[in-house]
Amino acid sequence: MIAKYFPTKSDLESRLRTRFGGVAAQQITAAEALVRSAAAASWSTPQEVAKRRDEIKEALALLESGSPEEKVAYLRGAVDLQLTKASGLVTYCALVAAVASLLLQPGGASPIQLFAYVTSAMLCVIAAVATISTSMTKWPSLKDFSTSTNEADWLVRLLLSRGRRINVAVPLAIVATCLIPLGAFGPALWAFASQHLHG
């Protein structure tokens, strides 16, 4: 269960090998058939030229599937998606912290409210800091950027590092959210329970 949210580098690389394991023999055969068909077909009209071009593009796509370049493109997209999620989480944490601060009434708050709202705001700050840290720009070294394979390895490490921080921040934000209704209804529920227990 934990590995689903906090995979190791070897786990993630194993999953990527399943998706980008290289060009299969069937794909090479299919690409070869498309190229031969295009070479033997007519190229005399603009429509036929367009059709031949589409066949050659399809053959190239078959040969490039599973290539290091495709893997890098996929990982770059995943990195961008992480940043999008992180920015949304930071905004959410800011809203929850603002609500907790507004509901907190110094001097008039019960111990339950004080605990709930202060803890909620603190958890949101911790979650926001963990999430904001994923936006820090870390440039690859010359070695990491020298080949597509090395860049893919660097992107995997970056994904794991950012993913772990986001997956720590999410439960903190959930707990912080749950503390808001506890602060709002906790004192009334406590008073109701005390009254019936002692009554």
N, C-alpha and C. Protein backbone atom coordinates (compact mmCIF):
# COMPACT_ATOMS: atom_id res chain seq x y z
N MET A 1 0.83 -1.21 0.00
CA MET A 1 0.00 0.00 0.00
C MET A 1 0.87 1.26 0.00
N ILE A 2 1.90 1.28 0.86
CA ILE A 2 2.77 2.46 0.94
C ILE A 2 3.54 2.63 -0.36
N ALA A 3 3.95 1.50 -0.98
CA ALA A 3 4.72 1.57 -2.22
C ALA A 3 3.93 2.22 -3.35
N LYS A 4 2.60 2.19 -3.24
CA LYS A 4 1.75 2.80 -4.26
C LYS A 4 1.92 4.32 -4.27
N TYR A 5 2.14 4.90 -3.10
CA TYR A 5 2.28 6.35 -2.97
C TYR A 5 3.73 6.78 -2.81
N PHE A 6 4.59 5.89 -2.33
CA PHE A 6 6.00 6.20 -2.13
C PHE A 6 6.86 5.12 -2.77
N PRO A 7 6.80 4.99 -4.11
CA PRO A 7 7.60 3.94 -4.76
C PRO A 7 9.09 4.24 -4.70
N THR A 8 9.88 3.19 -4.74
CA THR A 8 11.33 3.38 -4.81
C THR A 8 11.72 3.67 -6.26
N LYS A 9 12.96 4.07 -6.46
CA LYS A 9 13.45 4.36 -7.81
C LYS A 9 13.39 3.10 -8.67
N SER A 10 13.75 1.96 -8.09
CA SER A 10 13.74 0.72 -8.87
C SER A 10 12.31 0.31 -9.24
N ASP A 11 11.33 0.58 -8.34
CA ASP A 11 9.93 0.29 -8.65
C ASP A 11 9.46 1.11 -9.85
N LEU A 12 9.76 2.40 -9.81
CA LEU A 12 9.32 3.28 -10.89
C LEU A 12 10.01 2.94 -12.21
N GLU A 13 11.30 2.61 -12.15
CA GLU A 13 12.02 2.24 -13.37
C GLU A 13 11.47 0.94 -13.95
N SER A 14 11.07 0.01 -13.08
CA SER A 14 10.48 -1.25 -13.55
C SER A 14 9.17 -0.99 -14.28
N ARG A 15 8.35 -0.08 -13.74
CA ARG A 15 7.09 0.26 -14.40
C ARG A 15 7.33 0.95 -15.74
N LEU A 16 8.33 1.80 -15.80
CA LEU A 16 8.65 2.50 -17.04
C LEU A 16 9.19 1.54 -18.10
N ARG A 17 9.92 0.51 -17.67
CA ARG A 17 10.43 -0.48 -18.63
C ARG A 17 9.28 -1.23 -19.29
N THR A 18 8.20 -1.45 -18.52
CA THR A 18 7.03 -2.12 -19.09
C THR A 18 6.42 -1.28 -20.20
N ARG A 19 6.41 0.04 -19.99
CA ARG A 19 5.81 0.96 -20.98
C ARG A 19 6.78 1.29 -22.11
N PHE A 20 8.04 1.45 -21.78
CA PHE A 20 9.04 1.88 -22.77
C PHE A 20 10.16 0.85 -22.87
N GLY A 21 9.80 -0.37 -23.14
CA GLY A 21 10.79 -1.45 -23.17
C GLY A 21 11.57 -1.54 -24.45
N GLY A 22 11.29 -0.68 -25.40
CA GLY A 22 11.98 -0.75 -26.69
C GLY A 22 11.02 -1.16 -27.79
N VAL A 23 11.51 -1.15 -29.02
CA VAL A 23 10.68 -1.45 -30.17
C VAL A 23 10.58 -2.96 -30.33
N ALA A 24 9.34 -3.46 -30.37
CA ALA A 24 9.13 -4.90 -30.52
C ALA A 24 9.30 -5.31 -31.99
N ALA A 25 9.53 -6.61 -32.18
CA ALA A 25 9.75 -7.14 -33.55
C ALA A 25 8.52 -6.90 -34.43
N GLN A 26 7.32 -7.02 -33.81
CA GLN A 26 6.09 -6.82 -34.58
C GLN A 26 5.99 -5.39 -35.10
N GLN A 27 6.46 -4.43 -34.26
CA GLN A 27 6.41 -3.03 -34.67
C GLN A 27 7.37 -2.76 -35.83
N ILE A 28 8.54 -3.40 -35.80
CA ILE A 28 9.52 -3.24 -36.89
C ILE A 28 8.94 -3.82 -38.18
N THR A 29 8.32 -4.99 -38.06
CA THR A 29 7.72 -5.63 -39.24
C THR A 29 6.61 -4.77 -39.83
N ALA A 30 5.77 -4.22 -38.95
CA ALA A 30 4.66 -3.38 -39.41
C ALA A 30 5.19 -2.11 -40.08
N ALA A 31 6.23 -1.52 -39.50
CA ALA A 31 6.82 -0.30 -40.08
C ALA A 31 7.43 -0.60 -41.44
N GLU A 32 8.11 -1.74 -41.54
CA GLU A 32 8.73 -2.14 -42.80
C GLU A 32 7.67 -2.34 -43.89
N ALA A 33 6.54 -2.95 -43.50
CA ALA A 33 5.45 -3.18 -44.46
C ALA A 33 4.86 -1.86 -44.94
N LEU A 34 4.73 -0.90 -44.03
CA LEU A 34 4.19 0.41 -44.41
C LEU A 34 5.12 1.13 -45.39
N VAL A 35 6.42 1.07 -45.13
CA VAL A 35 7.39 1.74 -46.00
C VAL A 35 7.40 1.09 -47.38
N ARG A 36 7.37 -0.24 -47.43
CA ARG A 36 7.35 -0.94 -48.71
C ARG A 36 6.07 -0.61 -49.50
N SER A 37 4.95 -0.56 -48.77
CA SER A 37 3.68 -0.24 -49.41
C SER A 37 3.70 1.17 -49.98
N ALA A 38 4.26 2.11 -49.20
CA ALA A 38 4.34 3.50 -49.67
C ALA A 38 5.26 3.62 -50.88
N ALA A 39 6.37 2.88 -50.87
CA ALA A 39 7.32 2.94 -51.99
C ALA A 39 6.73 2.37 -53.27
N ALA A 40 5.90 1.35 -53.13
CA ALA A 40 5.32 0.69 -54.31
C ALA A 40 4.07 1.41 -54.83
N ALA A 41 3.46 2.24 -53.99
CA ALA A 41 2.20 2.89 -54.37
C ALA A 41 2.45 4.09 -55.28
N SER A 42 1.35 4.61 -55.80
CA SER A 42 1.42 5.77 -56.70
C SER A 42 1.63 7.06 -55.92
N TRP A 43 2.44 7.97 -56.48
CA TRP A 43 2.72 9.27 -55.88
C TRP A 43 2.32 10.39 -56.85
N SER A 44 1.41 10.12 -57.75
CA SER A 44 1.16 11.05 -58.86
C SER A 44 0.25 12.22 -58.52
N THR A 45 -0.65 12.08 -57.56
CA THR A 45 -1.57 13.18 -57.23
C THR A 45 -1.28 13.70 -55.83
N PRO A 46 -1.71 14.94 -55.53
CA PRO A 46 -1.51 15.49 -54.17
C PRO A 46 -2.16 14.63 -53.09
N GLN A 47 -3.32 14.04 -53.39
CA GLN A 47 -4.00 13.19 -52.41
C GLN A 47 -3.18 11.93 -52.11
N GLU A 48 -2.59 11.36 -53.16
CA GLU A 48 -1.77 10.17 -52.96
C GLU A 48 -0.48 10.48 -52.20
N VAL A 49 0.10 11.65 -52.49
CA VAL A 49 1.30 12.09 -51.76
C VAL A 49 0.98 12.26 -50.28
N ALA A 50 -0.18 12.86 -49.98
CA ALA A 50 -0.60 13.05 -48.59
C ALA A 50 -0.79 11.70 -47.89
N LYS A 51 -1.36 10.74 -48.64
CA LYS A 51 -1.56 9.40 -48.06
C LYS A 51 -0.23 8.72 -47.80
N ARG A 52 0.72 8.83 -48.75
CA ARG A 52 2.04 8.23 -48.54
C ARG A 52 2.76 8.86 -47.34
N ARG A 53 2.59 10.19 -47.19
CA ARG A 53 3.22 10.89 -46.07
C ARG A 53 2.67 10.37 -44.74
N ASP A 54 1.35 10.15 -44.67
CA ASP A 54 0.73 9.62 -43.45
C ASP A 54 1.23 8.21 -43.14
N GLU A 55 1.45 7.41 -44.21
CA GLU A 55 1.96 6.05 -44.01
C GLU A 55 3.39 6.08 -43.46
N ILE A 56 4.20 6.99 -43.98
CA ILE A 56 5.58 7.10 -43.50
C ILE A 56 5.61 7.60 -42.05
N LYS A 57 4.72 8.56 -41.73
CA LYS A 57 4.62 9.05 -40.34
C LYS A 57 4.23 7.92 -39.39
N GLU A 58 3.29 7.08 -39.84
CA GLU A 58 2.86 5.95 -39.02
C GLU A 58 4.01 4.97 -38.80
N ALA A 59 4.81 4.75 -39.86
CA ALA A 59 5.96 3.85 -39.74
C ALA A 59 6.98 4.41 -38.75
N LEU A 60 7.23 5.71 -38.82
CA LEU A 60 8.16 6.34 -37.87
C LEU A 60 7.66 6.25 -36.45
N ALA A 61 6.35 6.45 -36.26
CA ALA A 61 5.77 6.37 -34.92
C ALA A 61 5.95 4.98 -34.34
N LEU A 62 5.81 3.96 -35.18
CA LEU A 62 6.01 2.58 -34.72
C LEU A 62 7.46 2.35 -34.29
N LEU A 63 8.40 2.91 -35.04
CA LEU A 63 9.83 2.72 -34.73
C LEU A 63 10.27 3.53 -33.53
N GLU A 64 9.60 4.67 -33.28
CA GLU A 64 10.00 5.54 -32.17
C GLU A 64 9.32 5.18 -30.86
N SER A 65 8.28 4.33 -30.90
CA SER A 65 7.59 3.96 -29.66
C SER A 65 8.56 3.18 -28.78
N GLY A 66 8.64 3.56 -27.53
CA GLY A 66 9.57 2.92 -26.61
C GLY A 66 10.97 3.48 -26.66
N SER A 67 11.19 4.52 -27.46
CA SER A 67 12.52 5.10 -27.56
C SER A 67 12.82 5.97 -26.35
N PRO A 68 14.10 6.23 -26.06
CA PRO A 68 14.45 7.11 -24.94
C PRO A 68 13.82 8.50 -25.06
N GLU A 69 13.70 9.00 -26.30
CA GLU A 69 13.11 10.33 -26.51
C GLU A 69 11.63 10.35 -26.09
N GLU A 70 10.91 9.27 -26.42
CA GLU A 70 9.50 9.19 -26.04
C GLU A 70 9.37 9.09 -24.51
N LYS A 71 10.29 8.35 -23.90
CA LYS A 71 10.28 8.22 -22.44
C LYS A 71 10.53 9.56 -21.77
N VAL A 72 11.48 10.33 -22.31
CA VAL A 72 11.78 11.66 -21.77
C VAL A 72 10.57 12.58 -21.92
N ALA A 73 9.90 12.54 -23.07
CA ALA A 73 8.72 13.37 -23.30
C ALA A 73 7.62 13.03 -22.31
N TYR A 74 7.43 11.74 -22.05
CA TYR A 74 6.43 11.29 -21.08
C TYR A 74 6.76 11.79 -19.68
N LEU A 75 8.02 11.66 -19.28
CA LEU A 75 8.44 12.07 -17.94
C LEU A 75 8.35 13.58 -17.77
N ARG A 76 8.67 14.34 -18.83
CA ARG A 76 8.53 15.80 -18.75
C ARG A 76 7.08 16.19 -18.52
N GLY A 77 6.17 15.49 -19.19
CA GLY A 77 4.74 15.75 -18.99
C GLY A 77 4.32 15.45 -17.56
N ALA A 78 4.86 14.36 -17.01
CA ALA A 78 4.54 13.99 -15.62
C ALA A 78 5.06 15.03 -14.64
N VAL A 79 6.25 15.57 -14.90
CA VAL A 79 6.82 16.63 -14.05
C VAL A 79 5.94 17.88 -14.10
N ASP A 80 5.49 18.26 -15.29
CA ASP A 80 4.61 19.42 -15.42
C ASP A 80 3.30 19.20 -14.68
N LEU A 81 2.75 17.98 -14.75
CA LEU A 81 1.51 17.67 -14.05
C LEU A 81 1.69 17.77 -12.55
N GLN A 82 2.85 17.34 -12.05
CA GLN A 82 3.13 17.46 -10.61
C GLN A 82 3.10 18.92 -10.17
N LEU A 83 3.70 19.81 -10.96
CA LEU A 83 3.72 21.23 -10.61
C LEU A 83 2.32 21.82 -10.61
N THR A 84 1.48 21.39 -11.55
CA THR A 84 0.10 21.86 -11.59
C THR A 84 -0.65 21.44 -10.34
N LYS A 85 -0.49 20.17 -9.95
CA LYS A 85 -1.13 19.67 -8.73
C LYS A 85 -0.62 20.42 -7.50
N ALA A 86 0.69 20.66 -7.47
CA ALA A 86 1.29 21.34 -6.32
C ALA A 86 0.75 22.75 -6.17
N SER A 87 0.60 23.48 -7.28
CA SER A 87 0.09 24.86 -7.19
C SER A 87 -1.34 24.87 -6.68
N GLY A 88 -2.15 23.89 -7.10
CA GLY A 88 -3.52 23.80 -6.60
C GLY A 88 -3.56 23.49 -5.12
N LEU A 89 -2.66 22.62 -4.66
CA LEU A 89 -2.61 22.25 -3.24
C LEU A 89 -2.17 23.43 -2.37
N VAL A 90 -1.23 24.22 -2.86
CA VAL A 90 -0.77 25.40 -2.12
C VAL A 90 -1.94 26.38 -1.94
N THR A 91 -2.70 26.60 -3.00
CA THR A 91 -3.86 27.50 -2.93
C THR A 91 -4.88 26.98 -1.93
N TYR A 92 -5.14 25.67 -1.96
CA TYR A 92 -6.10 25.09 -1.03
C TYR A 92 -5.64 25.25 0.41
N CYS A 93 -4.35 24.98 0.66
CA CYS A 93 -3.81 25.13 2.03
C CYS A 93 -3.95 26.57 2.52
N ALA A 94 -3.72 27.52 1.62
CA ALA A 94 -3.84 28.94 1.99
C ALA A 94 -5.28 29.27 2.38
N LEU A 95 -6.25 28.72 1.66
CA LEU A 95 -7.66 28.97 1.97
C LEU A 95 -8.05 28.38 3.31
N VAL A 96 -7.63 27.14 3.56
CA VAL A 96 -7.96 26.48 4.84
C VAL A 96 -7.32 27.23 6.00
N ALA A 97 -6.06 27.64 5.84
CA ALA A 97 -5.37 28.39 6.89
C ALA A 97 -6.08 29.73 7.14
N ALA A 98 -6.55 30.37 6.07
CA ALA A 98 -7.26 31.65 6.23
C ALA A 98 -8.58 31.46 6.97
N VAL A 99 -9.30 30.39 6.65
CA VAL A 99 -10.57 30.09 7.34
C VAL A 99 -10.31 29.83 8.81
N ALA A 100 -9.27 29.03 9.12
CA ALA A 100 -8.94 28.73 10.51
C ALA A 100 -8.57 30.00 11.27
N SER A 101 -7.85 30.90 10.64
CA SER A 101 -7.45 32.15 11.29
C SER A 101 -8.65 33.06 11.54
N LEU A 102 -9.58 33.09 10.58
CA LEU A 102 -10.77 33.93 10.74
C LEU A 102 -11.70 33.40 11.84
N LEU A 103 -11.79 32.07 11.94
CA LEU A 103 -12.68 31.47 12.95
C LEU A 103 -12.11 31.56 14.36
N LEU A 104 -10.80 31.69 14.45
CA LEU A 104 -10.16 31.76 15.77
C LEU A 104 -10.41 33.11 16.41
N GLN A 105 -11.05 33.10 17.58
CA GLN A 105 -11.34 34.32 18.30
C GLN A 105 -10.54 34.34 19.60
N PRO A 106 -9.43 35.08 19.61
CA PRO A 106 -8.60 35.11 20.81
C PRO A 106 -9.39 35.58 22.04
N GLY A 107 -9.26 34.84 23.10
CA GLY A 107 -9.95 35.20 24.33
C GLY A 107 -11.31 34.57 24.44
N GLY A 108 -12.00 34.40 23.29
CA GLY A 108 -13.34 33.83 23.34
C GLY A 108 -13.40 32.41 22.85
N ALA A 109 -12.28 31.84 22.50
CA ALA A 109 -12.25 30.48 21.96
C ALA A 109 -12.14 29.46 23.07
N SER A 110 -12.86 28.38 22.92
CA SER A 110 -12.75 27.27 23.88
C SER A 110 -11.46 26.52 23.61
N PRO A 111 -11.02 25.69 24.57
CA PRO A 111 -9.79 24.91 24.34
C PRO A 111 -9.86 24.05 23.08
N ILE A 112 -11.06 23.48 22.80
CA ILE A 112 -11.21 22.65 21.60
C ILE A 112 -11.03 23.49 20.35
N GLN A 113 -11.64 24.66 20.32
CA GLN A 113 -11.51 25.55 19.16
C GLN A 113 -10.07 26.02 18.98
N LEU A 114 -9.45 26.39 20.08
CA LEU A 114 -8.07 26.85 20.03
C LEU A 114 -7.16 25.76 19.45
N PHE A 115 -7.32 24.54 19.96
CA PHE A 115 -6.51 23.42 19.45
C PHE A 115 -6.79 23.17 17.97
N ALA A 116 -8.08 23.12 17.61
CA ALA A 116 -8.46 22.76 16.24
C ALA A 116 -7.98 23.79 15.24
N TYR A 117 -8.22 25.06 15.49
CA TYR A 117 -7.89 26.09 14.51
C TYR A 117 -6.39 26.35 14.40
N VAL A 118 -5.71 26.37 15.55
CA VAL A 118 -4.26 26.60 15.53
C VAL A 118 -3.55 25.42 14.85
N THR A 119 -3.96 24.19 15.21
CA THR A 119 -3.36 23.01 14.59
C THR A 119 -3.63 22.97 13.10
N SER A 120 -4.85 23.31 12.71
CA SER A 120 -5.21 23.33 11.29
C SER A 120 -4.33 24.30 10.51
N ALA A 121 -4.17 25.51 11.06
CA ALA A 121 -3.34 26.52 10.38
C ALA A 121 -1.88 26.06 10.29
N MET A 122 -1.37 25.45 11.36
CA MET A 122 0.02 24.98 11.36
C MET A 122 0.24 23.86 10.35
N LEU A 123 -0.71 22.92 10.29
CA LEU A 123 -0.59 21.82 9.33
C LEU A 123 -0.63 22.34 7.90
N CYS A 124 -1.46 23.36 7.66
CA CYS A 124 -1.54 23.95 6.33
C CYS A 124 -0.23 24.63 5.94
N VAL A 125 0.39 25.29 6.90
CA VAL A 125 1.69 25.94 6.63
C VAL A 125 2.75 24.89 6.29
N ILE A 126 2.79 23.81 7.07
CA ILE A 126 3.76 22.74 6.81
C ILE A 126 3.51 22.12 5.44
N ALA A 127 2.23 21.83 5.14
CA ALA A 127 1.88 21.24 3.84
C ALA A 127 2.24 22.17 2.69
N ALA A 128 1.98 23.47 2.89
CA ALA A 128 2.28 24.45 1.83
C ALA A 128 3.78 24.56 1.59
N VAL A 129 4.56 24.56 2.67
CA VAL A 129 6.03 24.65 2.52
C VAL A 129 6.56 23.42 1.78
N ALA A 130 6.05 22.23 2.17
CA ALA A 130 6.48 20.99 1.50
C ALA A 130 6.12 21.04 0.01
N THR A 131 4.94 21.59 -0.29
CA THR A 131 4.48 21.63 -1.68
C THR A 131 5.22 22.70 -2.47
N ILE A 132 5.41 23.86 -1.87
CA ILE A 132 6.12 24.95 -2.57
C ILE A 132 7.55 24.53 -2.91
N SER A 133 8.15 23.72 -2.05
CA SER A 133 9.53 23.29 -2.31
C SER A 133 9.66 22.48 -3.59
N THR A 134 8.53 21.90 -4.07
CA THR A 134 8.59 21.14 -5.33
C THR A 134 8.77 22.05 -6.53
N SER A 135 8.51 23.34 -6.36
CA SER A 135 8.65 24.29 -7.48
C SER A 135 10.08 24.81 -7.62
N MET A 136 10.94 24.45 -6.70
CA MET A 136 12.33 24.91 -6.79
C MET A 136 12.99 24.34 -8.05
N THR A 137 13.60 25.20 -8.81
CA THR A 137 14.22 24.78 -10.07
C THR A 137 15.57 24.13 -9.79
N LYS A 138 15.68 22.90 -10.25
CA LYS A 138 16.95 22.17 -10.10
C LYS A 138 17.39 21.75 -11.50
N TRP A 139 18.48 22.34 -11.96
CA TRP A 139 18.94 22.07 -13.31
C TRP A 139 19.75 20.79 -13.35
N PRO A 140 19.61 20.00 -14.43
CA PRO A 140 20.40 18.77 -14.53
C PRO A 140 21.87 19.09 -14.76
N SER A 141 22.71 18.22 -14.29
CA SER A 141 24.15 18.37 -14.53
C SER A 141 24.45 18.06 -16.00
N LEU A 142 25.68 18.34 -16.41
CA LEU A 142 26.08 18.06 -17.79
C LEU A 142 25.93 16.57 -18.10
N LYS A 143 26.27 15.73 -17.13
CA LYS A 143 26.14 14.28 -17.33
C LYS A 143 24.68 13.88 -17.47
N ASP A 144 23.80 14.46 -16.62
CA ASP A 144 22.38 14.12 -16.67
C ASP A 144 21.73 14.58 -17.98
N PHE A 145 22.29 15.62 -18.59
CA PHE A 145 21.70 16.18 -19.80
C PHE A 145 22.39 15.69 -21.07
N SER A 146 23.40 14.83 -20.92
CA SER A 146 24.22 14.44 -22.08
C SER A 146 23.49 13.50 -23.04
N THR A 147 22.63 12.63 -22.52
CA THR A 147 21.88 11.70 -23.37
C THR A 147 20.44 11.62 -22.90
N SER A 148 19.57 11.10 -23.77
CA SER A 148 18.15 10.94 -23.41
C SER A 148 18.00 9.97 -22.24
N THR A 149 18.82 8.93 -22.22
CA THR A 149 18.76 7.94 -21.14
C THR A 149 19.12 8.57 -19.80
N ASN A 150 20.19 9.38 -19.79
CA ASN A 150 20.59 10.05 -18.55
C ASN A 150 19.55 11.07 -18.10
N GLU A 151 18.97 11.78 -19.08
CA GLU A 151 17.93 12.76 -18.72
C GLU A 151 16.70 12.06 -18.15
N ALA A 152 16.35 10.92 -18.72
CA ALA A 152 15.21 10.15 -18.20
C ALA A 152 15.47 9.71 -16.76
N ASP A 153 16.69 9.29 -16.48
CA ASP A 153 17.05 8.88 -15.12
C ASP A 153 16.96 10.05 -14.16
N TRP A 154 17.41 11.24 -14.60
CA TRP A 154 17.32 12.45 -13.77
C TRP A 154 15.87 12.83 -13.52
N LEU A 155 15.03 12.72 -14.55
CA LEU A 155 13.61 13.05 -14.41
C LEU A 155 12.90 12.08 -13.46
N VAL A 156 13.30 10.82 -13.48
CA VAL A 156 12.72 9.84 -12.54
C VAL A 156 13.05 10.24 -11.10
N ARG A 157 14.30 10.62 -10.86
CA ARG A 157 14.69 11.06 -9.50
C ARG A 157 13.91 12.31 -9.09
N LEU A 158 13.73 13.24 -10.04
CA LEU A 158 12.99 14.47 -9.75
C LEU A 158 11.53 14.16 -9.44
N LEU A 159 10.92 13.26 -10.21
CA LEU A 159 9.53 12.86 -9.97
C LEU A 159 9.36 12.23 -8.60
N LEU A 160 10.28 11.35 -8.25
CA LEU A 160 10.20 10.68 -6.94
C LEU A 160 10.32 11.68 -5.80
N SER A 161 11.27 12.60 -5.90
CA SER A 161 11.49 13.59 -4.85
C SER A 161 10.27 14.49 -4.67
N ARG A 162 9.75 14.99 -5.79
CA ARG A 162 8.58 15.87 -5.71
C ARG A 162 7.33 15.10 -5.28
N GLY A 163 7.18 13.90 -5.80
CA GLY A 163 6.00 13.10 -5.47
C GLY A 163 5.91 12.78 -4.00
N ARG A 164 7.04 12.48 -3.38
CA ARG A 164 7.04 12.17 -1.94
C ARG A 164 6.59 13.37 -1.12
N ARG A 165 7.09 14.56 -1.48
CA ARG A 165 6.70 15.77 -0.74
C ARG A 165 5.22 16.08 -0.91
N ILE A 166 4.72 15.92 -2.13
CA ILE A 166 3.29 16.18 -2.36
C ILE A 166 2.44 15.17 -1.60
N ASN A 167 2.86 13.89 -1.60
CA ASN A 167 2.09 12.86 -0.93
C ASN A 167 2.17 12.95 0.59
N VAL A 168 3.12 13.69 1.12
CA VAL A 168 3.14 14.00 2.56
C VAL A 168 2.21 15.19 2.83
N ALA A 169 2.21 16.15 1.92
CA ALA A 169 1.40 17.37 2.11
C ALA A 169 -0.10 17.10 2.03
N VAL A 170 -0.51 16.17 1.16
CA VAL A 170 -1.94 15.91 0.97
C VAL A 170 -2.63 15.44 2.25
N PRO A 171 -2.12 14.40 2.96
CA PRO A 171 -2.80 14.01 4.20
C PRO A 171 -2.78 15.10 5.27
N LEU A 172 -1.71 15.91 5.29
CA LEU A 172 -1.68 17.02 6.25
C LEU A 172 -2.81 18.01 5.95
N ALA A 173 -3.03 18.28 4.66
CA ALA A 173 -4.11 19.19 4.27
C ALA A 173 -5.48 18.59 4.60
N ILE A 174 -5.62 17.27 4.45
CA ILE A 174 -6.89 16.61 4.78
C ILE A 174 -7.19 16.71 6.27
N VAL A 175 -6.17 16.44 7.09
CA VAL A 175 -6.35 16.54 8.55
C VAL A 175 -6.69 17.98 8.93
N ALA A 176 -5.99 18.95 8.33
CA ALA A 176 -6.25 20.36 8.61
C ALA A 176 -7.68 20.73 8.27
N THR A 177 -8.19 20.19 7.18
CA THR A 177 -9.57 20.46 6.78
C THR A 177 -10.56 19.87 7.78
N CYS A 178 -10.30 18.64 8.23
CA CYS A 178 -11.19 17.98 9.19
C CYS A 178 -11.22 18.69 10.54
N LEU A 179 -10.15 19.41 10.87
CA LEU A 179 -10.11 20.12 12.14
C LEU A 179 -11.03 21.35 12.16
N ILE A 180 -11.36 21.89 10.99
CA ILE A 180 -12.24 23.06 10.93
C ILE A 180 -13.63 22.75 11.50
N PRO A 181 -14.33 21.70 11.01
CA PRO A 181 -15.63 21.38 11.63
C PRO A 181 -15.50 20.93 13.09
N LEU A 182 -14.35 20.33 13.45
CA LEU A 182 -14.16 19.97 14.85
C LEU A 182 -14.17 21.21 15.72
N GLY A 183 -13.48 22.27 15.26
CA GLY A 183 -13.49 23.51 16.02
C GLY A 183 -14.84 24.18 16.03
N ALA A 184 -15.58 24.07 14.92
CA ALA A 184 -16.89 24.73 14.84
C ALA A 184 -17.94 24.03 15.69
N PHE A 185 -17.96 22.68 15.65
CA PHE A 185 -19.03 21.94 16.33
C PHE A 185 -18.55 21.19 17.57
N GLY A 186 -17.24 21.13 17.77
CA GLY A 186 -16.70 20.41 18.91
C GLY A 186 -17.21 20.87 20.26
N PRO A 187 -17.17 22.19 20.55
CA PRO A 187 -17.65 22.64 21.87
C PRO A 187 -19.11 22.29 22.12
N ALA A 188 -19.97 22.44 21.11
CA ALA A 188 -21.40 22.13 21.27
C ALA A 188 -21.59 20.63 21.52
N LEU A 189 -20.88 19.82 20.77
CA LEU A 189 -20.98 18.37 20.95
C LEU A 189 -20.45 17.95 22.32
N TRP A 190 -19.35 18.59 22.74
CA TRP A 190 -18.79 18.29 24.06
C TRP A 190 -19.77 18.67 25.18
N ALA A 191 -20.39 19.83 25.04
CA ALA A 191 -21.37 20.27 26.04
C ALA A 191 -22.58 19.35 26.06
N PHE A 192 -23.04 18.94 24.88
CA PHE A 192 -24.20 18.04 24.79
C PHE A 192 -23.87 16.70 25.44
N ALA A 193 -22.67 16.17 25.12
CA ALA A 193 -22.28 14.87 25.67
C ALA A 193 -22.10 14.96 27.19
N SER A 194 -21.49 16.05 27.67
CA SER A 194 -21.27 16.21 29.12
C SER A 194 -22.60 16.32 29.87
N GLN A 195 -23.52 17.05 29.27
CA GLN A 195 -24.83 17.24 29.90
C GLN A 195 -25.57 15.91 30.05
N HIS A 196 -25.51 15.08 29.03
CA HIS A 196 -26.24 13.82 29.08
C HIS A 196 -25.51 12.77 29.91
N LEU A 197 -24.18 12.86 29.96
CA LEU A 197 -23.45 11.91 30.76
C LEU A 197 -23.64 12.19 32.25
N HIS A 198 -23.63 13.47 32.61
CA HIS A 198 -23.78 13.84 34.01
C HIS A 198 -25.25 13.90 34.42
N GLY A 199 -26.10 14.03 33.41
CA GLY A 199 -27.53 14.11 33.73
C GLY A 199 -28.12 12.73 33.95
